[in-house]
Amino acid sequence: MDTFVARHVVVSGRVQGVSFRYLLEQEAVAAGVAGWVRNTPDGTVEAVLEGAPPAVDDVLAWMRHGPRDAVVGSVDVREVAPQGLAGFVIR
């Protein structure tokens, strides 16, 4: 069994108002990744992903392009300590 990993992610560009959070939640749940996502006041989308390394990598790959109407400028990924999160929520 894989050891769980966790990543803190900040996505910039045109990522608010394009269903990024809703579709990210669907991607994460389908991949079995726990965590959360939220819009920030500076126009970025912030998320924490936690799960098996291949599943987290799959969700990160989706975040690099996002939904059809998004224009992803950059994706800043930081390794963080897993917290034992369960489920995925939009904050």
PDB file of N, CA and C in Angstrom:
ATOM      1  N   MET A   1       0.848  -1.199   0.000  1.00  0.00           N
ATOM      2  CA  MET A   1       0.000   0.000   0.000  1.00  0.00           C
ATOM      3  C   MET A   1       0.881   1.245   0.000  1.00  0.00           C
ATOM      4  N   ASP A   2       0.458   2.232  -0.777  1.00  0.00           N
ATOM      5  CA  ASP A   2       1.214   3.482  -0.853  1.00  0.00           C
ATOM      6  C   ASP A   2       1.090   4.269   0.440  1.00  0.00           C
ATOM      7  N   THR A   3       2.147   4.978   0.774  1.00  0.00           N
ATOM      8  CA  THR A   3       2.102   5.933   1.866  1.00  0.00           C
ATOM      9  C   THR A   3       1.389   7.178   1.354  1.00  0.00           C
ATOM     10  N   PHE A   4       0.562   7.785   2.183  1.00  0.00           N
ATOM     11  CA  PHE A   4      -0.126   9.002   1.773  1.00  0.00           C
ATOM     12  C   PHE A   4       0.840  10.175   1.737  1.00  0.00           C
ATOM     13  N   VAL A   5       0.581  11.075   0.802  1.00  0.00           N
ATOM     14  CA  VAL A   5       1.316  12.328   0.697  1.00  0.00           C
ATOM     15  C   VAL A   5       0.307  13.461   0.733  1.00  0.00           C
ATOM     16  N   ALA A   6       0.790  14.661   0.988  1.00  0.00           N
ATOM     17  CA  ALA A   6      -0.083  15.841   0.987  1.00  0.00           C
ATOM     18  C   ALA A   6       0.622  16.974   0.252  1.00  0.00           C
ATOM     19  N   ARG A   7      -0.165  17.753  -0.475  1.00  0.00           N
ATOM     20  CA  ARG A   7       0.355  18.894  -1.227  1.00  0.00           C
ATOM     21  C   ARG A   7      -0.535  20.100  -1.008  1.00  0.00           C
ATOM     22  N   HIS A   8       0.094  21.248  -0.767  1.00  0.00           N
ATOM     23  CA  HIS A   8      -0.606  22.536  -0.714  1.00  0.00           C
ATOM     24  C   HIS A   8      -0.399  23.160  -2.083  1.00  0.00           C
ATOM     25  N   VAL A   9      -1.489  23.584  -2.720  1.00  0.00           N
ATOM     26  CA  VAL A   9      -1.433  24.044  -4.109  1.00  0.00           C
ATOM     27  C   VAL A   9      -2.091  25.411  -4.227  1.00  0.00           C
ATOM     28  N   VAL A  10      -1.442  26.316  -4.968  1.00  0.00           N
ATOM     29  CA  VAL A  10      -2.032  27.614  -5.287  1.00  0.00           C
ATOM     30  C   VAL A  10      -1.991  27.755  -6.814  1.00  0.00           C
ATOM     31  N   VAL A  11      -3.165  27.962  -7.399  1.00  0.00           N
ATOM     32  CA  VAL A  11      -3.295  28.075  -8.851  1.00  0.00           C
ATOM     33  C   VAL A  11      -3.664  29.509  -9.180  1.00  0.00           C
ATOM     34  N   SER A  12      -2.897  30.114 -10.088  1.00  0.00           N
ATOM     35  CA  SER A  12      -3.192  31.490 -10.492  1.00  0.00           C
ATOM     36  C   SER A  12      -3.584  31.524 -11.960  1.00  0.00           C
ATOM     37  N   GLY A  13      -4.147  32.648 -12.355  1.00  0.00           N
ATOM     38  CA  GLY A  13      -4.632  32.833 -13.720  1.00  0.00           C
ATOM     39  C   GLY A  13      -6.118  33.146 -13.664  1.00  0.00           C
ATOM     40  N   ARG A  14      -6.838  32.810 -14.725  1.00  0.00           N
ATOM     41  CA  ARG A  14      -8.300  32.971 -14.704  1.00  0.00           C
ATOM     42  C   ARG A  14      -8.867  31.655 -14.174  1.00  0.00           C
ATOM     43  N   VAL A  15      -8.952  31.559 -12.846  1.00  0.00           N
ATOM     44  CA  VAL A  15      -9.349  30.306 -12.207  1.00  0.00           C
ATOM     45  C   VAL A  15     -10.559  30.464 -11.276  1.00  0.00           C
ATOM     46  N   GLN A  16     -11.056  31.678 -11.142  1.00  0.00           N
ATOM     47  CA  GLN A  16     -12.285  31.892 -10.385  1.00  0.00           C
ATOM     48  C   GLN A  16     -13.403  32.216 -11.362  1.00  0.00           C
ATOM     49  N   GLY A  17     -14.614  31.741 -11.049  1.00  0.00           N
ATOM     50  CA  GLY A  17     -15.758  31.992 -11.917  1.00  0.00           C
ATOM     51  C   GLY A  17     -15.811  31.070 -13.123  1.00  0.00           C
ATOM     52  N   VAL A  18     -15.049  29.971 -13.081  1.00  0.00           N
ATOM     53  CA  VAL A  18     -15.015  29.027 -14.205  1.00  0.00           C
ATOM     54  C   VAL A  18     -15.284  27.588 -13.736  1.00  0.00           C
ATOM     55  N   SER A  19     -15.889  27.442 -12.566  1.00  0.00           N
ATOM     56  CA  SER A  19     -16.220  26.137 -11.967  1.00  0.00           C
ATOM     57  C   SER A  19     -14.992  25.326 -11.570  1.00  0.00           C
ATOM     58  N   PHE A  20     -13.873  25.990 -11.337  1.00  0.00           N
ATOM     59  CA  PHE A  20     -12.638  25.284 -10.985  1.00  0.00           C
ATOM     60  C   PHE A  20     -12.817  24.462  -9.707  1.00  0.00           C
ATOM     61  N   ARG A  21     -13.364  25.083  -8.671  1.00  0.00           N
ATOM     62  CA  ARG A  21     -13.507  24.375  -7.387  1.00  0.00           C
ATOM     63  C   ARG A  21     -14.450  23.183  -7.502  1.00  0.00           C
ATOM     64  N   TYR A  22     -15.584  23.372  -8.138  1.00  0.00           N
ATOM     65  CA  TYR A  22     -16.572  22.307  -8.279  1.00  0.00           C
ATOM     66  C   TYR A  22     -15.989  21.126  -9.058  1.00  0.00           C
ATOM     67  N   LEU A  23     -15.342  21.413 -10.176  1.00  0.00           N
ATOM     68  CA  LEU A  23     -14.778  20.343 -10.993  1.00  0.00           C
ATOM     69  C   LEU A  23     -13.555  19.709 -10.340  1.00  0.00           C
ATOM     70  N   LEU A  24     -12.785  20.499  -9.581  1.00  0.00           N
ATOM     71  CA  LEU A  24     -11.675  19.918  -8.835  1.00  0.00           C
ATOM     72  C   LEU A  24     -12.210  18.939  -7.790  1.00  0.00           C
ATOM     73  N   GLU A  25     -13.288  19.300  -7.119  1.00  0.00           N
ATOM     74  CA  GLU A  25     -13.895  18.383  -6.153  1.00  0.00           C
ATOM     75  C   GLU A  25     -14.263  17.065  -6.825  1.00  0.00           C
ATOM     76  N   GLN A  26     -14.862  17.118  -8.008  1.00  0.00           N
ATOM     77  CA  GLN A  26     -15.229  15.895  -8.734  1.00  0.00           C
ATOM     78  C   GLN A  26     -13.993  15.066  -9.086  1.00  0.00           C
ATOM     79  N   GLU A  27     -12.936  15.723  -9.559  1.00  0.00           N
ATOM     80  CA  GLU A  27     -11.691  15.023  -9.906  1.00  0.00           C
ATOM     81  C   GLU A  27     -11.083  14.350  -8.679  1.00  0.00           C
ATOM     82  N   ALA A  28     -11.046  15.078  -7.568  1.00  0.00           N
ATOM     83  CA  ALA A  28     -10.445  14.544  -6.348  1.00  0.00           C
ATOM     84  C   ALA A  28     -11.229  13.348  -5.824  1.00  0.00           C
ATOM     85  N   VAL A  29     -12.539  13.472  -5.764  1.00  0.00           N
ATOM     86  CA  VAL A  29     -13.368  12.377  -5.267  1.00  0.00           C
ATOM     87  C   VAL A  29     -13.197  11.147  -6.160  1.00  0.00           C
ATOM     88  N   ALA A  30     -13.209  11.336  -7.467  1.00  0.00           N
ATOM     89  CA  ALA A  30     -13.037  10.211  -8.401  1.00  0.00           C
ATOM     90  C   ALA A  30     -11.689   9.533  -8.216  1.00  0.00           C
ATOM     91  N   ALA A  31     -10.663  10.309  -7.857  1.00  0.00           N
ATOM     92  CA  ALA A  31      -9.311   9.766  -7.688  1.00  0.00           C
ATOM     93  C   ALA A  31      -9.073   9.223  -6.281  1.00  0.00           C
ATOM     94  N   GLY A  32     -10.021   9.452  -5.362  1.00  0.00           N
ATOM     95  CA  GLY A  32      -9.843   9.012  -3.988  1.00  0.00           C
ATOM     96  C   GLY A  32      -8.917   9.906  -3.190  1.00  0.00           C
ATOM     97  N   VAL A  33      -8.864  11.194  -3.563  1.00  0.00           N
ATOM     98  CA  VAL A  33      -8.006  12.166  -2.892  1.00  0.00           C
ATOM     99  C   VAL A  33      -8.851  12.988  -1.922  1.00  0.00           C
ATOM    100  N   ALA A  34      -8.349  13.145  -0.708  1.00  0.00           N
ATOM    101  CA  ALA A  34      -9.024  13.952   0.302  1.00  0.00           C
ATOM    102  C   ALA A  34      -8.453  15.364   0.290  1.00  0.00           C
ATOM    103  N   GLY A  35      -9.162  16.295   0.942  1.00  0.00           N
ATOM    104  CA  GLY A  35      -8.645  17.652   1.076  1.00  0.00           C
ATOM    105  C   GLY A  35      -9.720  18.703   0.969  1.00  0.00           C
ATOM    106  N   TRP A  36      -9.305  19.877   0.510  1.00  0.00           N
ATOM    107  CA  TRP A  36     -10.222  21.005   0.391  1.00  0.00           C
ATOM    108  C   TRP A  36      -9.729  21.964  -0.688  1.00  0.00           C
ATOM    109  N   VAL A  37     -10.634  22.842  -1.124  1.00  0.00           N
ATOM    110  CA  VAL A  37     -10.303  23.871  -2.103  1.00  0.00           C
ATOM    111  C   VAL A  37     -11.102  25.130  -1.764  1.00  0.00           C
ATOM    112  N   ARG A  38     -10.504  26.294  -2.051  1.00  0.00           N
ATOM    113  CA  ARG A  38     -11.213  27.558  -1.827  1.00  0.00           C
ATOM    114  C   ARG A  38     -10.677  28.632  -2.761  1.00  0.00           C
ATOM    115  N   ASN A  39     -11.519  29.626  -3.026  1.00  0.00           N
ATOM    116  CA  ASN A  39     -11.086  30.838  -3.713  1.00  0.00           C
ATOM    117  C   ASN A  39     -10.420  31.736  -2.681  1.00  0.00           C
ATOM    118  N   THR A  40      -9.431  32.499  -3.102  1.00  0.00           N
ATOM    119  CA  THR A  40      -8.784  33.450  -2.208  1.00  0.00           C
ATOM    120  C   THR A  40      -9.071  34.869  -2.688  1.00  0.00           C
ATOM    121  N   PRO A  41      -8.932  35.855  -1.798  1.00  0.00           N
ATOM    122  CA  PRO A  41      -9.217  37.238  -2.179  1.00  0.00           C
ATOM    123  C   PRO A  41      -8.334  37.767  -3.313  1.00  0.00           C
ATOM    124  N   ASP A  42      -7.137  37.197  -3.498  1.00  0.00           N
ATOM    125  CA  ASP A  42      -6.252  37.697  -4.559  1.00  0.00           C
ATOM    126  C   ASP A  42      -6.536  37.084  -5.926  1.00  0.00           C
ATOM    127  N   GLY A  43      -7.606  36.273  -6.034  1.00  0.00           N
ATOM    128  CA  GLY A  43      -8.004  35.717  -7.327  1.00  0.00           C
ATOM    129  C   GLY A  43      -7.432  34.342  -7.636  1.00  0.00           C
ATOM    130  N   THR A  44      -6.659  33.798  -6.709  1.00  0.00           N
ATOM    131  CA  THR A  44      -6.128  32.455  -6.918  1.00  0.00           C
ATOM    132  C   THR A  44      -7.084  31.421  -6.330  1.00  0.00           C
ATOM    133  N   VAL A  45      -6.799  30.163  -6.636  1.00  0.00           N
ATOM    134  CA  VAL A  45      -7.491  29.040  -6.018  1.00  0.00           C
ATOM    135  C   VAL A  45      -6.455  28.298  -5.187  1.00  0.00           C
ATOM    136  N   GLU A  46      -6.795  28.039  -3.930  1.00  0.00           N
ATOM    137  CA  GLU A  46      -5.901  27.350  -3.004  1.00  0.00           C
ATOM    138  C   GLU A  46      -6.513  26.000  -2.658  1.00  0.00           C
ATOM    139  N   ALA A  47      -5.672  24.963  -2.580  1.00  0.00           N
ATOM    140  CA  ALA A  47      -6.173  23.632  -2.257  1.00  0.00           C
ATOM    141  C   ALA A  47      -5.142  22.850  -1.457  1.00  0.00           C
ATOM    142  N   VAL A  48      -5.633  21.870  -0.726  1.00  0.00           N
ATOM    143  CA  VAL A  48      -4.788  20.858  -0.099  1.00  0.00           C
ATOM    144  C   VAL A  48      -5.286  19.514  -0.605  1.00  0.00           C
ATOM    145  N   LEU A  49      -4.356  18.716  -1.110  1.00  0.00           N
ATOM    146  CA  LEU A  49      -4.663  17.379  -1.623  1.00  0.00           C
ATOM    147  C   LEU A  49      -3.923  16.368  -0.774  1.00  0.00           C
ATOM    148  N   GLU A  50      -4.599  15.287  -0.413  1.00  0.00           N
ATOM    149  CA  GLU A  50      -3.966  14.256   0.396  1.00  0.00           C
ATOM    150  C   GLU A  50      -4.434  12.883  -0.077  1.00  0.00           C
ATOM    151  N   GLY A  51      -3.485  11.992  -0.295  1.00  0.00           N
ATOM    152  CA  GLY A  51      -3.841  10.649  -0.719  1.00  0.00           C
ATOM    153  C   GLY A  51      -2.628   9.886  -1.207  1.00  0.00           C
ATOM    154  N   ALA A  52      -2.875   8.794  -1.922  1.00  0.00           N
ATOM    155  CA  ALA A  52      -1.805   7.992  -2.499  1.00  0.00           C
ATOM    156  C   ALA A  52      -1.069   8.826  -3.553  1.00  0.00           C
ATOM    157  N   PRO A  53       0.252   8.717  -3.635  1.00  0.00           N
ATOM    158  CA  PRO A  53       1.012   9.548  -4.580  1.00  0.00           C
ATOM    159  C   PRO A  53       0.493   9.546  -6.021  1.00  0.00           C
ATOM    160  N   PRO A  54       0.155   8.389  -6.619  1.00  0.00           N
ATOM    161  CA  PRO A  54      -0.332   8.440  -8.004  1.00  0.00           C
ATOM    162  C   PRO A  54      -1.653   9.205  -8.136  1.00  0.00           C
ATOM    163  N   ALA A  55      -2.536   9.078  -7.144  1.00  0.00           N
ATOM    164  CA  ALA A  55      -3.820   9.772  -7.188  1.00  0.00           C
ATOM    165  C   ALA A  55      -3.628  11.275  -7.046  1.00  0.00           C
ATOM    166  N   VAL A  56      -2.774  11.690  -6.123  1.00  0.00           N
ATOM    167  CA  VAL A  56      -2.489  13.116  -5.948  1.00  0.00           C
ATOM    168  C   VAL A  56      -1.859  13.672  -7.220  1.00  0.00           C
ATOM    169  N   ASP A  57      -0.941  12.929  -7.824  1.00  0.00           N
ATOM    170  CA  ASP A  57      -0.314  13.372  -9.076  1.00  0.00           C
ATOM    171  C   ASP A  57      -1.336  13.536 -10.193  1.00  0.00           C
ATOM    172  N   ASP A  58      -2.323  12.623 -10.263  1.00  0.00           N
ATOM    173  CA  ASP A  58      -3.371  12.735 -11.284  1.00  0.00           C
ATOM    174  C   ASP A  58      -4.189  14.012 -11.101  1.00  0.00           C
ATOM    175  N   VAL A  59      -4.537  14.324  -9.853  1.00  0.00           N
ATOM    176  CA  VAL A  59      -5.320  15.536  -9.590  1.00  0.00           C
ATOM    177  C   VAL A  59      -4.477  16.779  -9.878  1.00  0.00           C
ATOM    178  N   LEU A  60      -3.205  16.758  -9.508  1.00  0.00           N
ATOM    179  CA  LEU A  60      -2.320  17.883  -9.830  1.00  0.00           C
ATOM    180  C   LEU A  60      -2.220  18.087 -11.339  1.00  0.00           C
ATOM    181  N   ALA A  61      -2.150  17.005 -12.088  1.00  0.00           N
ATOM    182  CA  ALA A  61      -2.086  17.118 -13.553  1.00  0.00           C
ATOM    183  C   ALA A  61      -3.333  17.808 -14.088  1.00  0.00           C
ATOM    184  N   TRP A  62      -4.511  17.477 -13.537  1.00  0.00           N
ATOM    185  CA  TRP A  62      -5.741  18.140 -13.957  1.00  0.00           C
ATOM    186  C   TRP A  62      -5.696  19.632 -13.606  1.00  0.00           C
ATOM    187  N   MET A  63      -5.173  19.944 -12.415  1.00  0.00           N
ATOM    188  CA  MET A  63      -5.125  21.341 -11.974  1.00  0.00           C
ATOM    189  C   MET A  63      -4.233  22.200 -12.870  1.00  0.00           C
ATOM    190  N   ARG A  64      -3.296  21.607 -13.557  1.00  0.00           N
ATOM    191  CA  ARG A  64      -2.391  22.374 -14.425  1.00  0.00           C
ATOM    192  C   ARG A  64      -3.100  22.946 -15.661  1.00  0.00           C
ATOM    193  N   HIS A  65      -4.280  22.407 -15.970  1.00  0.00           N
ATOM    194  CA  HIS A  65      -5.066  22.988 -17.073  1.00  0.00           C
ATOM    195  C   HIS A  65      -6.455  23.405 -16.616  1.00  0.00           C
ATOM    196  N   GLY A  66      -7.021  22.720 -15.614  1.00  0.00           N
ATOM    197  CA  GLY A  66      -8.319  23.090 -15.071  1.00  0.00           C
ATOM    198  C   GLY A  66      -9.452  22.862 -16.047  1.00  0.00           C
ATOM    199  N   PRO A  67     -10.624  23.443 -15.763  1.00  0.00           N
ATOM    200  CA  PRO A  67     -11.778  23.296 -16.644  1.00  0.00           C
ATOM    201  C   PRO A  67     -11.594  24.071 -17.952  1.00  0.00           C
ATOM    202  N   ARG A  68     -12.466  23.813 -18.884  1.00  0.00           N
ATOM    203  CA  ARG A  68     -12.375  24.380 -20.232  1.00  0.00           C
ATOM    204  C   ARG A  68     -12.223  25.902 -20.252  1.00  0.00           C
ATOM    205  N   ASP A  69     -12.959  26.611 -19.413  1.00  0.00           N
ATOM    206  CA  ASP A  69     -12.929  28.076 -19.447  1.00  0.00           C
ATOM    207  C   ASP A  69     -11.808  28.704 -18.623  1.00  0.00           C
ATOM    208  N   ALA A  70     -11.045  27.886 -17.923  1.00  0.00           N
ATOM    209  CA  ALA A  70      -9.936  28.408 -17.115  1.00  0.00           C
ATOM    210  C   ALA A  70      -8.724  28.706 -17.991  1.00  0.00           C
ATOM    211  N   VAL A  71      -7.921  29.655 -17.517  1.00  0.00           N
ATOM    212  CA  VAL A  71      -6.612  29.924 -18.112  1.00  0.00           C
ATOM    213  C   VAL A  71      -5.618  29.875 -16.948  1.00  0.00           C
ATOM    214  N   VAL A  72      -4.972  28.731 -16.801  1.00  0.00           N
ATOM    215  CA  VAL A  72      -4.055  28.533 -15.684  1.00  0.00           C
ATOM    216  C   VAL A  72      -2.732  29.205 -16.006  1.00  0.00           C
ATOM    217  N   GLY A  73      -2.337  30.147 -15.147  1.00  0.00           N
ATOM    218  CA  GLY A  73      -1.072  30.852 -15.342  1.00  0.00           C
ATOM    219  C   GLY A  73       0.083  30.140 -14.674  1.00  0.00           C
ATOM    220  N   SER A  74      -0.131  29.716 -13.435  1.00  0.00           N
ATOM    221  CA  SER A  74       0.907  28.986 -12.714  1.00  0.00           C
ATOM    222  C   SER A  74       0.274  28.100 -11.656  1.00  0.00           C
ATOM    223  N   VAL A  75       1.011  27.065 -11.283  1.00  0.00           N
ATOM    224  CA  VAL A  75       0.582  26.151 -10.233  1.00  0.00           C
ATOM    225  C   VAL A  75       1.764  25.989  -9.282  1.00  0.00           C
ATOM    226  N   ASP A  76       1.606  26.514  -8.071  1.00  0.00           N
ATOM    227  CA  ASP A  76       2.648  26.421  -7.054  1.00  0.00           C
ATOM    228  C   ASP A  76       2.301  25.250  -6.133  1.00  0.00           C
ATOM    229  N   VAL A  77       3.169  24.241  -6.096  1.00  0.00           N
ATOM    230  CA  VAL A  77       2.922  23.037  -5.303  1.00  0.00           C
ATOM    231  C   VAL A  77       3.984  22.930  -4.220  1.00  0.00           C
ATOM    232  N   ARG A  78       3.522  22.753  -2.994  1.00  0.00           N
ATOM    233  CA  ARG A  78       4.406  22.588  -1.841  1.00  0.00           C
ATOM    234  C   ARG A  78       4.058  21.300  -1.126  1.00  0.00           C
ATOM    235  N   GLU A  79       5.069  20.523  -0.765  1.00  0.00           N
ATOM    236  CA  GLU A  79       4.833  19.322   0.030  1.00  0.00           C
ATOM    237  C   GLU A  79       4.538  19.738   1.465  1.00  0.00           C
ATOM    238  N   VAL A  80       3.491  19.153   2.040  1.00  0.00           N
ATOM    239  CA  VAL A  80       3.134  19.393   3.438  1.00  0.00           C
ATOM    240  C   VAL A  80       2.907  18.049   4.118  1.00  0.00           C
ATOM    241  N   ALA A  81       2.829  18.062   5.421  1.00  0.00           N
ATOM    242  CA  ALA A  81       2.613  16.829   6.174  1.00  0.00           C
ATOM    243  C   ALA A  81       1.153  16.392   6.051  1.00  0.00           C
ATOM    244  N   PRO A  82       0.912  15.115   5.771  1.00  0.00           N
ATOM    245  CA  PRO A  82      -0.469  14.616   5.742  1.00  0.00           C
ATOM    246  C   PRO A  82      -1.142  14.812   7.109  1.00  0.00           C
ATOM    247  N   GLN A  83      -2.428  15.175   7.059  1.00  0.00           N
ATOM    248  CA  GLN A  83      -3.198  15.429   8.285  1.00  0.00           C
ATOM    249  C   GLN A  83      -4.237  14.345   8.555  1.00  0.00           C
ATOM    250  N   GLY A  84      -4.321  13.348   7.691  1.00  0.00           N
ATOM    251  CA  GLY A  84      -5.354  12.321   7.860  1.00  0.00           C
ATOM    252  C   GLY A  84      -6.731  12.813   7.478  1.00  0.00           C
ATOM    253  N   LEU A  85      -6.808  13.690   6.459  1.00  0.00           N
ATOM    254  CA  LEU A  85      -8.075  14.252   6.026  1.00  0.00           C
ATOM    255  C   LEU A  85      -8.984  13.167   5.447  1.00  0.00           C
ATOM    256  N   ALA A  86     -10.275  13.371   5.572  1.00  0.00           N
ATOM    257  CA  ALA A  86     -11.267  12.458   4.995  1.00  0.00           C
ATOM    258  C   ALA A  86     -12.230  13.276   4.149  1.00  0.00           C
ATOM    259  N   GLY A  87     -12.514  12.804   2.949  1.00  0.00           N
ATOM    260  CA  GLY A  87     -13.438  13.510   2.073  1.00  0.00           C
ATOM    261  C   GLY A  87     -12.791  14.724   1.427  1.00  0.00           C
ATOM    262  N   PHE A  88     -13.529  15.370   0.550  1.00  0.00           N
ATOM    263  CA  PHE A  88     -13.031  16.570  -0.122  1.00  0.00           C
ATOM    264  C   PHE A  88     -14.132  17.621  -0.061  1.00  0.00           C
ATOM    265  N   VAL A  89     -13.780  18.826   0.399  1.00  0.00           N
ATOM    266  CA  VAL A  89     -14.771  19.872   0.590  1.00  0.00           C
ATOM    267  C   VAL A  89     -14.372  21.156  -0.127  1.00  0.00           C
ATOM    268  N   ILE A  90     -15.382  21.887  -0.545  1.00  0.00           N
ATOM    269  CA  ILE A  90     -15.204  23.245  -1.079  1.00  0.00           C
ATOM    270  C   ILE A  90     -15.426  24.196   0.078  1.00  0.00           C
ATOM    271  N   ARG A  91     -14.440  25.029   0.349  1.00  0.00           N
ATOM    272  CA  ARG A  91     -14.560  25.993   1.458  1.00  0.00           C
ATOM    273  C   ARG A  91     -14.987  27.346   0.946  1.00  0.00           C
TER     274      ARG A  91
END
